[in-house]
Amino acid sequence: MQTVTMPLQLAPTSLTQPILPNWSFHLFNVNLGSSSNPAVEQAALEKVGSYGRQIGHIAEALELIVKKAKLLESQDLTQDEKDVLQVFLGDVSAIRQIKASQQLAP
């Protein structure tokens, strides 16, 4: 009986896969892309606040606009559009609750 040997590869030769591209854990160096003006971006982060803080301010301003303009009662919006606003307002409310609970915790 003759034995035939065939190269058989059941697994890839490399089992590494990046799970967080552009992230480096050397004191948290995060690169999410190139900025057209890195100096301005860095100054904004230092003087205005983190992206989360900036997004929070935008969310609070939009919440105010939605409520003052009474967009949820508007006849000009479809129900789907009103649902989008309700989801947004729900997110803003949930974040407000998280902030309040964190301030109460010791």
PDB file of N, CA and C in Angstrom:
ATOM      1  N   MET A   1       0.850  -1.166   0.000  1.00  0.00           N
ATOM      2  CA  MET A   1       0.000   0.000   0.000  1.00  0.00           C
ATOM      3  C   MET A   1       0.896   1.230   0.000  1.00  0.00           C
ATOM      4  N   GLN A   2       0.541   2.181  -0.843  1.00  0.00           N
ATOM      5  CA  GLN A   2       1.354   3.387  -0.993  1.00  0.00           C
ATOM      6  C   GLN A   2       0.760   4.519  -0.161  1.00  0.00           C
ATOM      7  N   THR A   3       1.612   5.290   0.537  1.00  0.00           N
ATOM      8  CA  THR A   3       1.171   6.410   1.361  1.00  0.00           C
ATOM      9  C   THR A   3       1.371   7.692   0.585  1.00  0.00           C
ATOM     10  N   VAL A   4       0.315   8.503   0.527  1.00  0.00           N
ATOM     11  CA  VAL A   4       0.388   9.790  -0.164  1.00  0.00           C
ATOM     12  C   VAL A   4       0.301  10.881   0.896  1.00  0.00           C
ATOM     13  N   THR A   5       1.282  11.782   0.903  1.00  0.00           N
ATOM     14  CA  THR A   5       1.293  12.875   1.862  1.00  0.00           C
ATOM     15  C   THR A   5       0.862  14.142   1.150  1.00  0.00           C
ATOM     16  N   MET A   6      -0.149  14.770   1.679  1.00  0.00           N
ATOM     17  CA  MET A   6      -0.639  16.031   1.099  1.00  0.00           C
ATOM     18  C   MET A   6      -0.516  17.122   2.157  1.00  0.00           C
ATOM     19  N   PRO A   7      -0.086  18.312   1.736  1.00  0.00           N
ATOM     20  CA  PRO A   7      -0.036  19.403   2.725  1.00  0.00           C
ATOM     21  C   PRO A   7      -1.455  19.756   3.153  1.00  0.00           C
ATOM     22  N   LEU A   8      -1.675  19.717   4.418  1.00  0.00           N
ATOM     23  CA  LEU A   8      -3.009  19.993   4.942  1.00  0.00           C
ATOM     24  C   LEU A   8      -2.895  21.116   5.971  1.00  0.00           C
ATOM     25  N   GLN A   9      -3.647  22.150   5.750  1.00  0.00           N
ATOM     26  CA  GLN A   9      -3.625  23.283   6.677  1.00  0.00           C
ATOM     27  C   GLN A   9      -5.058  23.564   7.097  1.00  0.00           C
ATOM     28  N   LEU A  10      -5.355  23.306   8.366  1.00  0.00           N
ATOM     29  CA  LEU A  10      -6.704  23.511   8.863  1.00  0.00           C
ATOM     30  C   LEU A  10      -6.886  24.849   9.547  1.00  0.00           C
ATOM     31  N   ALA A  11      -5.792  25.470   9.933  1.00  0.00           N
ATOM     32  CA  ALA A  11      -5.869  26.756  10.626  1.00  0.00           C
ATOM     33  C   ALA A  11      -4.955  27.752   9.916  1.00  0.00           C
ATOM     34  N   PRO A  12      -5.275  29.021  10.042  1.00  0.00           N
ATOM     35  CA  PRO A  12      -4.385  30.010   9.425  1.00  0.00           C
ATOM     36  C   PRO A  12      -3.028  30.012  10.118  1.00  0.00           C
ATOM     37  N   THR A  13      -2.018  30.439   9.375  1.00  0.00           N
ATOM     38  CA  THR A  13      -0.676  30.465   9.956  1.00  0.00           C
ATOM     39  C   THR A  13      -0.533  31.559  10.998  1.00  0.00           C
ATOM     40  N   SER A  14      -1.328  32.612  10.907  1.00  0.00           N
ATOM     41  CA  SER A  14      -1.283  33.694  11.886  1.00  0.00           C
ATOM     42  C   SER A  14      -2.647  33.806  12.556  1.00  0.00           C
ATOM     43  N   LEU A  15      -2.654  33.780  13.865  1.00  0.00           N
ATOM     44  CA  LEU A  15      -3.908  33.852  14.600  1.00  0.00           C
ATOM     45  C   LEU A  15      -4.075  35.192  15.308  1.00  0.00           C
ATOM     46  N   THR A  16      -3.474  36.233  14.796  1.00  0.00           N
ATOM     47  CA  THR A  16      -3.632  37.551  15.398  1.00  0.00           C
ATOM     48  C   THR A  16      -4.616  38.362  14.575  1.00  0.00           C
ATOM     49  N   GLN A  17      -5.411  39.137  15.284  1.00  0.00           N
ATOM     50  CA  GLN A  17      -6.391  39.993  14.627  1.00  0.00           C
ATOM     51  C   GLN A  17      -6.555  41.243  15.454  1.00  0.00           C
ATOM     52  N   PRO A  18      -6.416  42.421  14.844  1.00  0.00           N
ATOM     53  CA  PRO A  18      -6.617  43.648  15.632  1.00  0.00           C
ATOM     54  C   PRO A  18      -8.092  43.810  15.990  1.00  0.00           C
ATOM     55  N   ILE A  19      -8.376  44.020  17.256  1.00  0.00           N
ATOM     56  CA  ILE A  19      -9.769  44.196  17.662  1.00  0.00           C
ATOM     57  C   ILE A  19     -10.116  45.663  17.870  1.00  0.00           C
ATOM     58  N   LEU A  20      -9.117  46.493  18.061  1.00  0.00           N
ATOM     59  CA  LEU A  20      -9.341  47.928  18.207  1.00  0.00           C
ATOM     60  C   LEU A  20      -8.355  48.669  17.312  1.00  0.00           C
ATOM     61  N   PRO A  21      -8.614  48.721  16.008  1.00  0.00           N
ATOM     62  CA  PRO A  21      -7.675  49.409  15.132  1.00  0.00           C
ATOM     63  C   PRO A  21      -7.490  50.860  15.556  1.00  0.00           C
ATOM     64  N   ASN A  22      -6.293  51.370  15.396  1.00  0.00           N
ATOM     65  CA  ASN A  22      -5.913  52.746  15.724  1.00  0.00           C
ATOM     66  C   ASN A  22      -5.833  53.017  17.223  1.00  0.00           C
ATOM     67  N   TRP A  23      -5.936  52.004  18.055  1.00  0.00           N
ATOM     68  CA  TRP A  23      -5.810  52.192  19.499  1.00  0.00           C
ATOM     69  C   TRP A  23      -4.464  51.652  19.943  1.00  0.00           C
ATOM     70  N   SER A  24      -3.855  52.339  20.848  1.00  0.00           N
ATOM     71  CA  SER A  24      -2.604  51.901  21.435  1.00  0.00           C
ATOM     72  C   SER A  24      -2.724  52.085  22.937  1.00  0.00           C
ATOM     73  N   PHE A  25      -2.286  51.083  23.696  1.00  0.00           N
ATOM     74  CA  PHE A  25      -2.459  51.153  25.136  1.00  0.00           C
ATOM     75  C   PHE A  25      -1.182  51.561  25.866  1.00  0.00           C
ATOM     76  N   HIS A  26      -0.376  52.404  25.241  1.00  0.00           N
ATOM     77  CA  HIS A  26       0.785  52.989  25.906  1.00  0.00           C
ATOM     78  C   HIS A  26       0.330  54.343  26.435  1.00  0.00           C
ATOM     79  N   LEU A  27      -0.220  54.379  27.594  1.00  0.00           N
ATOM     80  CA  LEU A  27      -0.795  55.598  28.180  1.00  0.00           C
ATOM     81  C   LEU A  27      -1.935  56.135  27.325  1.00  0.00           C
ATOM     82  N   PHE A  28      -2.676  55.241  26.717  1.00  0.00           N
ATOM     83  CA  PHE A  28      -3.881  55.559  25.955  1.00  0.00           C
ATOM     84  C   PHE A  28      -3.652  56.568  24.844  1.00  0.00           C
ATOM     85  N   ASN A  29      -2.911  56.187  23.860  1.00  0.00           N
ATOM     86  CA  ASN A  29      -2.739  56.977  22.657  1.00  0.00           C
ATOM     87  C   ASN A  29      -3.813  56.544  21.666  1.00  0.00           C
ATOM     88  N   VAL A  30      -4.785  57.380  21.419  1.00  0.00           N
ATOM     89  CA  VAL A  30      -5.906  57.042  20.548  1.00  0.00           C
ATOM     90  C   VAL A  30      -5.817  57.896  19.289  1.00  0.00           C
ATOM     91  N   ASN A  31      -5.769  57.233  18.154  1.00  0.00           N
ATOM     92  CA  ASN A  31      -5.713  57.943  16.886  1.00  0.00           C
ATOM     93  C   ASN A  31      -6.902  57.504  16.050  1.00  0.00           C
ATOM     94  N   LEU A  32      -7.896  58.346  15.940  1.00  0.00           N
ATOM     95  CA  LEU A  32      -9.101  57.990  15.193  1.00  0.00           C
ATOM     96  C   LEU A  32      -9.107  58.588  13.796  1.00  0.00           C
ATOM     97  N   GLY A  33      -8.000  59.090  13.348  1.00  0.00           N
ATOM     98  CA  GLY A  33      -7.913  59.659  12.018  1.00  0.00           C
ATOM     99  C   GLY A  33      -7.116  60.936  12.052  1.00  0.00           C
ATOM    100  N   SER A  34      -6.858  61.431  10.881  1.00  0.00           N
ATOM    101  CA  SER A  34      -6.068  62.654  10.820  1.00  0.00           C
ATOM    102  C   SER A  34      -6.983  63.870  10.887  1.00  0.00           C
ATOM    103  N   SER A  35      -6.511  64.890  11.550  1.00  0.00           N
ATOM    104  CA  SER A  35      -7.248  66.133  11.682  1.00  0.00           C
ATOM    105  C   SER A  35      -6.689  67.129  10.676  1.00  0.00           C
ATOM    106  N   SER A  36      -7.548  67.975  10.162  1.00  0.00           N
ATOM    107  CA  SER A  36      -7.048  68.993   9.232  1.00  0.00           C
ATOM    108  C   SER A  36      -6.233  70.051   9.966  1.00  0.00           C
ATOM    109  N   ASN A  37      -6.465  70.174  11.289  1.00  0.00           N
ATOM    110  CA  ASN A  37      -5.687  71.130  12.074  1.00  0.00           C
ATOM    111  C   ASN A  37      -5.520  70.575  13.488  1.00  0.00           C
ATOM    112  N   PRO A  38      -4.535  69.711  13.690  1.00  0.00           N
ATOM    113  CA  PRO A  38      -4.365  69.063  14.990  1.00  0.00           C
ATOM    114  C   PRO A  38      -4.152  70.040  16.138  1.00  0.00           C
ATOM    115  N   ALA A  39      -3.497  71.168  15.881  1.00  0.00           N
ATOM    116  CA  ALA A  39      -3.243  72.133  16.957  1.00  0.00           C
ATOM    117  C   ALA A  39      -4.553  72.719  17.475  1.00  0.00           C
ATOM    118  N   VAL A  40      -5.462  73.040  16.574  1.00  0.00           N
ATOM    119  CA  VAL A  40      -6.765  73.587  16.981  1.00  0.00           C
ATOM    120  C   VAL A  40      -7.558  72.523  17.731  1.00  0.00           C
ATOM    121  N   GLU A  41      -7.522  71.297  17.230  1.00  0.00           N
ATOM    122  CA  GLU A  41      -8.251  70.213  17.886  1.00  0.00           C
ATOM    123  C   GLU A  41      -7.731  69.992  19.308  1.00  0.00           C
ATOM    124  N   GLN A  42      -6.419  69.975  19.477  1.00  0.00           N
ATOM    125  CA  GLN A  42      -5.834  69.786  20.793  1.00  0.00           C
ATOM    126  C   GLN A  42      -6.192  70.938  21.722  1.00  0.00           C
ATOM    127  N   ALA A  43      -6.133  72.181  21.206  1.00  0.00           N
ATOM    128  CA  ALA A  43      -6.487  73.347  22.026  1.00  0.00           C
ATOM    129  C   ALA A  43      -7.950  73.290  22.438  1.00  0.00           C
ATOM    130  N   ALA A  44      -8.827  72.862  21.539  1.00  0.00           N
ATOM    131  CA  ALA A  44     -10.252  72.754  21.866  1.00  0.00           C
ATOM    132  C   ALA A  44     -10.467  71.717  22.963  1.00  0.00           C
ATOM    133  N   LEU A  45      -9.765  70.599  22.878  1.00  0.00           N
ATOM    134  CA  LEU A  45      -9.898  69.571  23.906  1.00  0.00           C
ATOM    135  C   LEU A  45      -9.428  70.084  25.262  1.00  0.00           C
ATOM    136  N   GLU A  46      -8.350  70.856  25.262  1.00  0.00           N
ATOM    137  CA  GLU A  46      -7.799  71.363  26.522  1.00  0.00           C
ATOM    138  C   GLU A  46      -8.628  72.503  27.106  1.00  0.00           C
ATOM    139  N   LYS A  47      -9.160  73.386  26.253  1.00  0.00           N
ATOM    140  CA  LYS A  47      -9.828  74.595  26.742  1.00  0.00           C
ATOM    141  C   LYS A  47     -11.349  74.470  26.811  1.00  0.00           C
ATOM    142  N   VAL A  48     -11.942  73.729  25.886  1.00  0.00           N
ATOM    143  CA  VAL A  48     -13.406  73.599  25.851  1.00  0.00           C
ATOM    144  C   VAL A  48     -13.855  72.356  26.599  1.00  0.00           C
ATOM    145  N   GLY A  49     -13.220  71.262  26.328  1.00  0.00           N
ATOM    146  CA  GLY A  49     -13.574  70.023  27.011  1.00  0.00           C
ATOM    147  C   GLY A  49     -13.478  68.842  26.078  1.00  0.00           C
ATOM    148  N   SER A  50     -13.659  67.665  26.647  1.00  0.00           N
ATOM    149  CA  SER A  50     -13.580  66.427  25.881  1.00  0.00           C
ATOM    150  C   SER A  50     -14.680  66.374  24.836  1.00  0.00           C
ATOM    151  N   TYR A  51     -14.536  65.423  23.924  1.00  0.00           N
ATOM    152  CA  TYR A  51     -15.577  65.250  22.912  1.00  0.00           C
ATOM    153  C   TYR A  51     -16.905  64.907  23.571  1.00  0.00           C
ATOM    154  N   GLY A  52     -16.863  64.109  24.620  1.00  0.00           N
ATOM    155  CA  GLY A  52     -18.092  63.767  25.335  1.00  0.00           C
ATOM    156  C   GLY A  52     -18.771  64.989  25.915  1.00  0.00           C
ATOM    157  N   ARG A  53     -17.976  65.874  26.497  1.00  0.00           N
ATOM    158  CA  ARG A  53     -18.538  67.106  27.065  1.00  0.00           C
ATOM    159  C   ARG A  53     -19.136  67.982  25.952  1.00  0.00           C
ATOM    160  N   GLN A  54     -18.417  68.086  24.835  1.00  0.00           N
ATOM    161  CA  GLN A  54     -18.925  68.892  23.721  1.00  0.00           C
ATOM    162  C   GLN A  54     -20.215  68.303  23.154  1.00  0.00           C
ATOM    163  N   ILE A  55     -20.264  66.988  23.008  1.00  0.00           N
ATOM    164  CA  ILE A  55     -21.479  66.334  22.519  1.00  0.00           C
ATOM    165  C   ILE A  55     -22.612  66.516  23.518  1.00  0.00           C
ATOM    166  N   GLY A  56     -22.298  66.471  24.808  1.00  0.00           N
ATOM    167  CA  GLY A  56     -23.315  66.710  25.830  1.00  0.00           C
ATOM    168  C   GLY A  56     -23.927  68.092  25.713  1.00  0.00           C
ATOM    169  N   HIS A  57     -23.094  69.096  25.474  1.00  0.00           N
ATOM    170  CA  HIS A  57     -23.613  70.455  25.306  1.00  0.00           C
ATOM    171  C   HIS A  57     -24.504  70.552  24.067  1.00  0.00           C
ATOM    172  N   ILE A  58     -24.089  69.912  22.987  1.00  0.00           N
ATOM    173  CA  ILE A  58     -24.905  69.907  21.765  1.00  0.00           C
ATOM    174  C   ILE A  58     -26.241  69.210  22.023  1.00  0.00           C
ATOM    175  N   ALA A  59     -26.203  68.089  22.736  1.00  0.00           N
ATOM    176  CA  ALA A  59     -27.436  67.346  23.035  1.00  0.00           C
ATOM    177  C   ALA A  59     -28.384  68.179  23.872  1.00  0.00           C
ATOM    178  N   GLU A  60     -27.854  68.882  24.879  1.00  0.00           N
ATOM    179  CA  GLU A  60     -28.714  69.721  25.720  1.00  0.00           C
ATOM    180  C   GLU A  60     -29.307  70.873  24.919  1.00  0.00           C
ATOM    181  N   ALA A  61     -28.530  71.455  24.008  1.00  0.00           N
ATOM    182  CA  ALA A  61     -29.047  72.537  23.170  1.00  0.00           C
ATOM    183  C   ALA A  61     -30.145  72.014  22.237  1.00  0.00           C
ATOM    184  N   LEU A  62     -29.932  70.851  21.649  1.00  0.00           N
ATOM    185  CA  LEU A  62     -30.957  70.276  20.768  1.00  0.00           C
ATOM    186  C   LEU A  62     -32.216  69.907  21.539  1.00  0.00           C
ATOM    187  N   GLU A  63     -32.035  69.411  22.753  1.00  0.00           N
ATOM    188  CA  GLU A  63     -33.193  69.097  23.596  1.00  0.00           C
ATOM    189  C   GLU A  63     -34.021  70.364  23.820  1.00  0.00           C
ATOM    190  N   LEU A  64     -33.359  71.455  24.124  1.00  0.00           N
ATOM    191  CA  LEU A  64     -34.038  72.726  24.341  1.00  0.00           C
ATOM    192  C   LEU A  64     -34.792  73.169  23.084  1.00  0.00           C
ATOM    193  N   ILE A  65     -34.152  73.051  21.931  1.00  0.00           N
ATOM    194  CA  ILE A  65     -34.788  73.449  20.666  1.00  0.00           C
ATOM    195  C   ILE A  65     -36.017  72.593  20.386  1.00  0.00           C
ATOM    196  N   VAL A  66     -35.898  71.276  20.575  1.00  0.00           N
ATOM    197  CA  VAL A  66     -37.037  70.371  20.329  1.00  0.00           C
ATOM    198  C   VAL A  66     -38.210  70.753  21.219  1.00  0.00           C
ATOM    199  N   LYS A  67     -37.931  71.054  22.490  1.00  0.00           N
ATOM    200  CA  LYS A  67     -39.016  71.376  23.420  1.00  0.00           C
ATOM    201  C   LYS A  67     -39.600  72.757  23.165  1.00  0.00           C
ATOM    202  N   LYS A  68     -38.743  73.763  22.956  1.00  0.00           N
ATOM    203  CA  LYS A  68     -39.242  75.128  22.732  1.00  0.00           C
ATOM    204  C   LYS A  68     -40.004  75.253  21.421  1.00  0.00           C
ATOM    205  N   ALA A  69     -39.559  74.546  20.401  1.00  0.00           N
ATOM    206  CA  ALA A  69     -40.234  74.596  19.102  1.00  0.00           C
ATOM    207  C   ALA A  69     -41.438  73.659  19.052  1.00  0.00           C
ATOM    208  N   LYS A  70     -41.646  72.894  20.144  1.00  0.00           N
ATOM    209  CA  LYS A  70     -42.766  71.954  20.240  1.00  0.00           C
ATOM    210  C   LYS A  70     -42.818  71.017  19.017  1.00  0.00           C
ATOM    211  N   LEU A  71     -41.655  70.502  18.675  1.00  0.00           N
ATOM    212  CA  LEU A  71     -41.555  69.653  17.491  1.00  0.00           C
ATOM    213  C   LEU A  71     -42.326  68.348  17.637  1.00  0.00           C
ATOM    214  N   LEU A  72     -42.479  67.854  18.858  1.00  0.00           N
ATOM    215  CA  LEU A  72     -43.220  66.607  19.035  1.00  0.00           C
ATOM    216  C   LEU A  72     -44.718  66.781  18.798  1.00  0.00           C
ATOM    217  N   GLU A  73     -45.199  68.009  18.880  1.00  0.00           N
ATOM    218  CA  GLU A  73     -46.614  68.277  18.588  1.00  0.00           C
ATOM    219  C   GLU A  73     -46.823  68.757  17.157  1.00  0.00           C
ATOM    220  N   SER A  74     -45.753  68.918  16.401  1.00  0.00           N
ATOM    221  CA  SER A  74     -45.824  69.474  15.055  1.00  0.00           C
ATOM    222  C   SER A  74     -46.574  68.559  14.094  1.00  0.00           C
ATOM    223  N   GLN A  75     -47.404  69.158  13.280  1.00  0.00           N
ATOM    224  CA  GLN A  75     -48.109  68.417  12.237  1.00  0.00           C
ATOM    225  C   GLN A  75     -47.226  68.236  11.002  1.00  0.00           C
ATOM    226  N   ASP A  76     -46.094  68.958  10.962  1.00  0.00           N
ATOM    227  CA  ASP A  76     -45.196  68.885   9.815  1.00  0.00           C
ATOM    228  C   ASP A  76     -44.284  67.658   9.862  1.00  0.00           C
ATOM    229  N   LEU A  77     -44.218  66.999  10.996  1.00  0.00           N
ATOM    230  CA  LEU A  77     -43.350  65.834  11.131  1.00  0.00           C
ATOM    231  C   LEU A  77     -44.155  64.546  11.044  1.00  0.00           C
ATOM    232  N   THR A  78     -43.554  63.546  10.419  1.00  0.00           N
ATOM    233  CA  THR A  78     -44.185  62.229  10.374  1.00  0.00           C
ATOM    234  C   THR A  78     -43.994  61.557  11.733  1.00  0.00           C
ATOM    235  N   GLN A  79     -44.715  60.474  11.956  1.00  0.00           N
ATOM    236  CA  GLN A  79     -44.563  59.746  13.219  1.00  0.00           C
ATOM    237  C   GLN A  79     -43.150  59.182  13.342  1.00  0.00           C
ATOM    238  N   ASP A  80     -42.574  58.726  12.233  1.00  0.00           N
ATOM    239  CA  ASP A  80     -41.200  58.218  12.275  1.00  0.00           C
ATOM    240  C   ASP A  80     -40.222  59.316  12.703  1.00  0.00           C
ATOM    241  N   GLU A  81     -40.422  60.519  12.205  1.00  0.00           N
ATOM    242  CA  GLU A  81     -39.552  61.637  12.592  1.00  0.00           C
ATOM    243  C   GLU A  81     -39.733  61.992  14.067  1.00  0.00           C
ATOM    244  N   LYS A  82     -40.963  61.939  14.537  1.00  0.00           N
ATOM    245  CA  LYS A  82     -41.213  62.190  15.962  1.00  0.00           C
ATOM    246  C   LYS A  82     -40.584  61.096  16.818  1.00  0.00           C
ATOM    247  N   ASP A  83     -40.612  59.855  16.330  1.00  0.00           N
ATOM    248  CA  ASP A  83     -39.991  58.755  17.060  1.00  0.00           C
ATOM    249  C   ASP A  83     -38.483  58.965  17.189  1.00  0.00           C
ATOM    250  N   VAL A  84     -37.865  59.475  16.137  1.00  0.00           N
ATOM    251  CA  VAL A  84     -36.430  59.769  16.180  1.00  0.00           C
ATOM    252  C   VAL A  84     -36.142  60.786  17.279  1.00  0.00           C
ATOM    253  N   LEU A  85     -36.971  61.824  17.349  1.00  0.00           N
ATOM    254  CA  LEU A  85     -36.786  62.838  18.390  1.00  0.00           C
ATOM    255  C   LEU A  85     -37.015  62.250  19.780  1.00  0.00           C
ATOM    256  N   GLN A  86     -38.006  61.369  19.914  1.00  0.00           N
ATOM    257  CA  GLN A  86     -38.280  60.738  21.212  1.00  0.00           C
ATOM    258  C   GLN A  86     -37.095  59.889  21.676  1.00  0.00           C
ATOM    259  N   VAL A  87     -36.491  59.153  20.749  1.00  0.00           N
ATOM    260  CA  VAL A  87     -35.319  58.342  21.087  1.00  0.00           C
ATOM    261  C   VAL A  87     -34.188  59.253  21.541  1.00  0.00           C
ATOM    262  N   PHE A  88     -33.966  60.334  20.803  1.00  0.00           N
ATOM    263  CA  PHE A  88     -32.920  61.294  21.175  1.00  0.00           C
ATOM    264  C   PHE A  88     -33.178  61.866  22.568  1.00  0.00           C
ATOM    265  N   LEU A  89     -34.400  62.308  22.820  1.00  0.00           N
ATOM    266  CA  LEU A  89     -34.729  62.879  24.130  1.00  0.00           C
ATOM    267  C   LEU A  89     -34.604  61.832  25.238  1.00  0.00           C
ATOM    268  N   GLY A  90     -34.923  60.588  24.915  1.00  0.00           N
ATOM    269  CA  GLY A  90     -34.756  59.506  25.889  1.00  0.00           C
ATOM    270  C   GLY A  90     -33.281  59.294  26.235  1.00  0.00           C
ATOM    271  N   ASP A  91     -32.413  59.367  25.217  1.00  0.00           N
ATOM    272  CA  ASP A  91     -30.971  59.233  25.462  1.00  0.00           C
ATOM    273  C   ASP A  91     -30.464  60.372  26.346  1.00  0.00           C
ATOM    274  N   VAL A  92     -30.893  61.596  26.044  1.00  0.00           N
ATOM    275  CA  VAL A  92     -30.469  62.755  26.838  1.00  0.00           C
ATOM    276  C   VAL A  92     -30.935  62.590  28.284  1.00  0.00           C
ATOM    277  N   SER A  93     -32.165  62.128  28.461  1.00  0.00           N
ATOM    278  CA  SER A  93     -32.702  61.914  29.806  1.00  0.00           C
ATOM    279  C   SER A  93     -31.933  60.820  30.539  1.00  0.00           C
ATOM    280  N   ALA A  94     -31.610  59.740  29.846  1.00  0.00           N
ATOM    281  CA  ALA A  94     -30.867  58.639  30.472  1.00  0.00           C
ATOM    282  C   ALA A  94     -29.483  59.110  30.920  1.00  0.00           C
ATOM    283  N   ILE A  95     -28.829  59.907  30.105  1.00  0.00           N
ATOM    284  CA  ILE A  95     -27.520  60.434  30.475  1.00  0.00           C
ATOM    285  C   ILE A  95     -27.641  61.359  31.679  1.00  0.00           C
ATOM    286  N   ARG A  96     -28.693  62.165  31.710  1.00  0.00           N
ATOM    287  CA  ARG A  96     -28.917  63.057  32.851  1.00  0.00           C
ATOM    288  C   ARG A  96     -29.095  62.238  34.139  1.00  0.00           C
ATOM    289  N   GLN A  97     -29.825  61.134  34.059  1.00  0.00           N
ATOM    290  CA  GLN A  97     -30.038  60.261  35.214  1.00  0.00           C
ATOM    291  C   GLN A  97     -28.724  59.617  35.668  1.00  0.00           C
ATOM    292  N   ILE A  98     -27.910  59.185  34.712  1.00  0.00           N
ATOM    293  CA  ILE A  98     -26.606  58.602  35.057  1.00  0.00           C
ATOM    294  C   ILE A  98     -25.740  59.616  35.766  1.00  0.00           C
ATOM    295  N   LYS A  99     -25.708  60.837  35.249  1.00  0.00           N
ATOM    296  CA  LYS A  99     -24.923  61.898  35.888  1.00  0.00           C
ATOM    297  C   LYS A  99     -25.410  62.158  37.305  1.00  0.00           C
ATOM    298  N   ALA A 100     -26.732  62.200  37.482  1.00  0.00           N
ATOM    299  CA  ALA A 100     -27.288  62.461  38.816  1.00  0.00           C
ATOM    300  C   ALA A 100     -26.945  61.326  39.772  1.00  0.00           C
ATOM    301  N   SER A 101     -27.015  60.086  39.317  1.00  0.00           N
ATOM    302  CA  SER A 101     -26.706  58.967  40.202  1.00  0.00           C
ATOM    303  C   SER A 101     -25.229  58.941  40.550  1.00  0.00           C
ATOM    304  N   GLN A 102     -24.370  59.360  39.651  1.00  0.00           N
ATOM    305  CA  GLN A 102     -22.933  59.398  39.931  1.00  0.00           C
ATOM    306  C   GLN A 102     -22.585  60.495  40.944  1.00  0.00           C
ATOM    307  N   GLN A 103     -23.329  61.575  40.908  1.00  0.00           N
ATOM    308  CA  GLN A 103     -23.083  62.669  41.859  1.00  0.00           C
ATOM    309  C   GLN A 103     -23.532  62.286  43.261  1.00  0.00           C
ATOM    310  N   LEU A 104     -24.537  61.411  43.368  1.00  0.00           N
ATOM    311  CA  LEU A 104     -25.039  60.984  44.670  1.00  0.00           C
ATOM    312  C   LEU A 104     -24.165  59.904  45.283  1.00  0.00           C
ATOM    313  N   ALA A 105     -23.465  59.146  44.432  1.00  0.00           N
ATOM    314  CA  ALA A 105     -22.626  58.056  44.951  1.00  0.00           C
ATOM    315  C   ALA A 105     -21.420  58.617  45.702  1.00  0.00           C
ATOM    316  N   PRO A 106     -21.023  57.933  46.800  1.00  0.00           N
ATOM    317  CA  PRO A 106     -19.873  58.417  47.583  1.00  0.00           C
ATOM    318  C   PRO A 106     -18.565  58.270  46.873  1.00  0.00           C
TER     319      PRO A 106
END
